[in-house]
């Protein structure tokens, strides 16, 4: 039976986001589908480095257009609450 891969998105492109992206490759039913950053060039570099399908410069845009199933918030702690809501 084929299982659907869960499409992950990551908010943030820092060190923790990179570690999460590397580890997510070890999960058979997961794919890193989108990443967002305040800077599109940073998101694009991260996407290239970790094989992410889409890069966004806005979390809101990624949530609307990114077609993700679940989000990992790897941004700085002071914005976690705002991004979660």
C-alpha atoms as a PDB file:
ATOM      1  CA  UNK A   1       0.000   0.000   0.000  1.00  0.00           C
ATOM      2  CA  UNK A   2       1.368   3.395  -0.997  1.00  0.00           C
ATOM      3  CA  UNK A   3       1.338   6.013   1.714  1.00  0.00           C
ATOM      4  CA  UNK A   4       1.006   9.691   0.973  1.00  0.00           C
ATOM      5  CA  UNK A   5       4.051  11.729   1.871  1.00  0.00           C
ATOM      6  CA  UNK A   6       3.396  14.485   4.377  1.00  0.00           C
ATOM      7  CA  UNK A   7       4.392  17.834   2.888  1.00  0.00           C
ATOM      8  CA  UNK A   8       6.298  19.892   5.456  1.00  0.00           C
ATOM      9  CA  UNK A   9       6.963  23.595   5.483  1.00  0.00           C
ATOM     10  CA  UNK A  10       9.592  25.378   7.545  1.00  0.00           C
ATOM     11  CA  UNK A  11       9.319  28.954   8.793  1.00  0.00           C
ATOM     12  CA  UNK A  12      12.897  30.194   9.124  1.00  0.00           C
ATOM     13  CA  UNK A  13      16.233  29.382   7.558  1.00  0.00           C
ATOM     14  CA  UNK A  14      18.654  29.353  10.494  1.00  0.00           C
ATOM     15  CA  UNK A  15      20.791  26.622  12.010  1.00  0.00           C
ATOM     16  CA  UNK A  16      17.894  24.796  13.694  1.00  0.00           C
ATOM     17  CA  UNK A  17      15.893  24.873  10.447  1.00  0.00           C
ATOM     18  CA  UNK A  18      18.858  23.309   8.657  1.00  0.00           C
ATOM     19  CA  UNK A  19      19.173  20.554  11.243  1.00  0.00           C
ATOM     20  CA  UNK A  20      15.466  19.835  11.003  1.00  0.00           C
ATOM     21  CA  UNK A  21      15.628  19.769   7.188  1.00  0.00           C
ATOM     22  CA  UNK A  22      18.546  17.325   7.272  1.00  0.00           C
ATOM     23  CA  UNK A  23      16.802  15.033   9.735  1.00  0.00           C
ATOM     24  CA  UNK A  24      13.509  15.171   7.863  1.00  0.00           C
ATOM     25  CA  UNK A  25      15.221  13.484   4.910  1.00  0.00           C
ATOM     26  CA  UNK A  26      15.461  10.379   7.122  1.00  0.00           C
ATOM     27  CA  UNK A  27      11.679  10.154   7.508  1.00  0.00           C
ATOM     28  CA  UNK A  28      10.260   7.992   4.708  1.00  0.00           C
ATOM     29  CA  UNK A  29       6.757   9.480   4.725  1.00  0.00           C
ATOM     30  CA  UNK A  30       7.885  13.120   4.759  1.00  0.00           C
ATOM     31  CA  UNK A  31       8.976  15.636   2.155  1.00  0.00           C
ATOM     32  CA  UNK A  32      10.227  19.149   2.709  1.00  0.00           C
ATOM     33  CA  UNK A  33       7.931  21.035   0.390  1.00  0.00           C
ATOM     34  CA  UNK A  34       8.279  24.746   1.261  1.00  0.00           C
ATOM     35  CA  UNK A  35      10.357  27.217   3.250  1.00  0.00           C
ATOM     36  CA  UNK A  36       9.731  30.816   4.218  1.00  0.00           C
ATOM     37  CA  UNK A  37      12.085  33.541   5.353  1.00  0.00           C
ATOM     38  CA  UNK A  38      11.898  37.315   5.695  1.00  0.00           C
ATOM     39  CA  UNK A  39      14.403  37.348   2.822  1.00  0.00           C
ATOM     40  CA  UNK A  40      13.558  35.593  -0.454  1.00  0.00           C
ATOM     41  CA  UNK A  41      17.253  35.112  -1.372  1.00  0.00           C
ATOM     42  CA  UNK A  42      17.834  33.336   1.975  1.00  0.00           C
ATOM     43  CA  UNK A  43      14.778  31.154   1.410  1.00  0.00           C
ATOM     44  CA  UNK A  44      15.977  30.311  -2.109  1.00  0.00           C
ATOM     45  CA  UNK A  45      19.473  29.389  -0.893  1.00  0.00           C
ATOM     46  CA  UNK A  46      17.992  27.203   1.854  1.00  0.00           C
ATOM     47  CA  UNK A  47      15.661  25.579  -0.677  1.00  0.00           C
ATOM     48  CA  UNK A  48      18.574  24.791  -2.979  1.00  0.00           C
ATOM     49  CA  UNK A  49      20.756  23.459  -0.136  1.00  0.00           C
ATOM     50  CA  UNK A  50      18.067  21.155   1.267  1.00  0.00           C
ATOM     51  CA  UNK A  51      16.097  20.196  -1.843  1.00  0.00           C
ATOM     52  CA  UNK A  52      12.988  22.173  -0.936  1.00  0.00           C
ATOM     53  CA  UNK A  53      10.400  22.538  -3.686  1.00  0.00           C
ATOM     54  CA  UNK A  54       9.263  26.111  -2.968  1.00  0.00           C
ATOM     55  CA  UNK A  55      10.716  29.238  -1.329  1.00  0.00           C
ATOM     56  CA  UNK A  56       8.747  32.216  -0.011  1.00  0.00           C
ATOM     57  CA  UNK A  57       9.557  35.559   1.594  1.00  0.00           C
ATOM     58  CA  UNK A  58       6.322  35.505   3.593  1.00  0.00           C
ATOM     59  CA  UNK A  59       4.910  32.922   5.975  1.00  0.00           C
ATOM     60  CA  UNK A  60       1.376  33.966   5.024  1.00  0.00           C
ATOM     61  CA  UNK A  61       2.132  33.430   1.338  1.00  0.00           C
ATOM     62  CA  UNK A  62       3.627  30.008   2.044  1.00  0.00           C
ATOM     63  CA  UNK A  63       0.559  28.990   4.048  1.00  0.00           C
ATOM     64  CA  UNK A  64      -1.759  30.041   1.203  1.00  0.00           C
ATOM     65  CA  UNK A  65       0.263  28.868  -1.808  1.00  0.00           C
ATOM     66  CA  UNK A  66       2.719  26.300  -0.449  1.00  0.00           C
ATOM     67  CA  UNK A  67       0.350  23.334  -0.290  1.00  0.00           C
ATOM     68  CA  UNK A  68       1.877  22.071   2.954  1.00  0.00           C
ATOM     69  CA  UNK A  69       0.302  19.657   5.414  1.00  0.00           C
ATOM     70  CA  UNK A  70       2.264  20.706   8.488  1.00  0.00           C
ATOM     71  CA  UNK A  71       4.531  23.569   9.541  1.00  0.00           C
ATOM     72  CA  UNK A  72       7.718  23.534  11.610  1.00  0.00           C
ATOM     73  CA  UNK A  73       8.418  26.940  13.139  1.00  0.00           C
ATOM     74  CA  UNK A  74      12.172  27.479  13.247  1.00  0.00           C
ATOM     75  CA  UNK A  75      12.152  31.262  13.398  1.00  0.00           C
ATOM     76  CA  UNK A  76      13.507  33.292  16.348  1.00  0.00           C
ATOM     77  CA  UNK A  77      11.583  32.654  19.576  1.00  0.00           C
ATOM     78  CA  UNK A  78      10.066  36.154  19.904  1.00  0.00           C
ATOM     79  CA  UNK A  79       7.915  35.569  16.788  1.00  0.00           C
ATOM     80  CA  UNK A  80       6.759  32.003  17.553  1.00  0.00           C
ATOM     81  CA  UNK A  81       3.445  33.068  19.098  1.00  0.00           C
ATOM     82  CA  UNK A  82       2.570  35.444  16.260  1.00  0.00           C
ATOM     83  CA  UNK A  83       3.439  32.837  13.627  1.00  0.00           C
ATOM     84  CA  UNK A  84       1.528  30.113  15.444  1.00  0.00           C
ATOM     85  CA  UNK A  85      -1.629  32.199  15.650  1.00  0.00           C
END
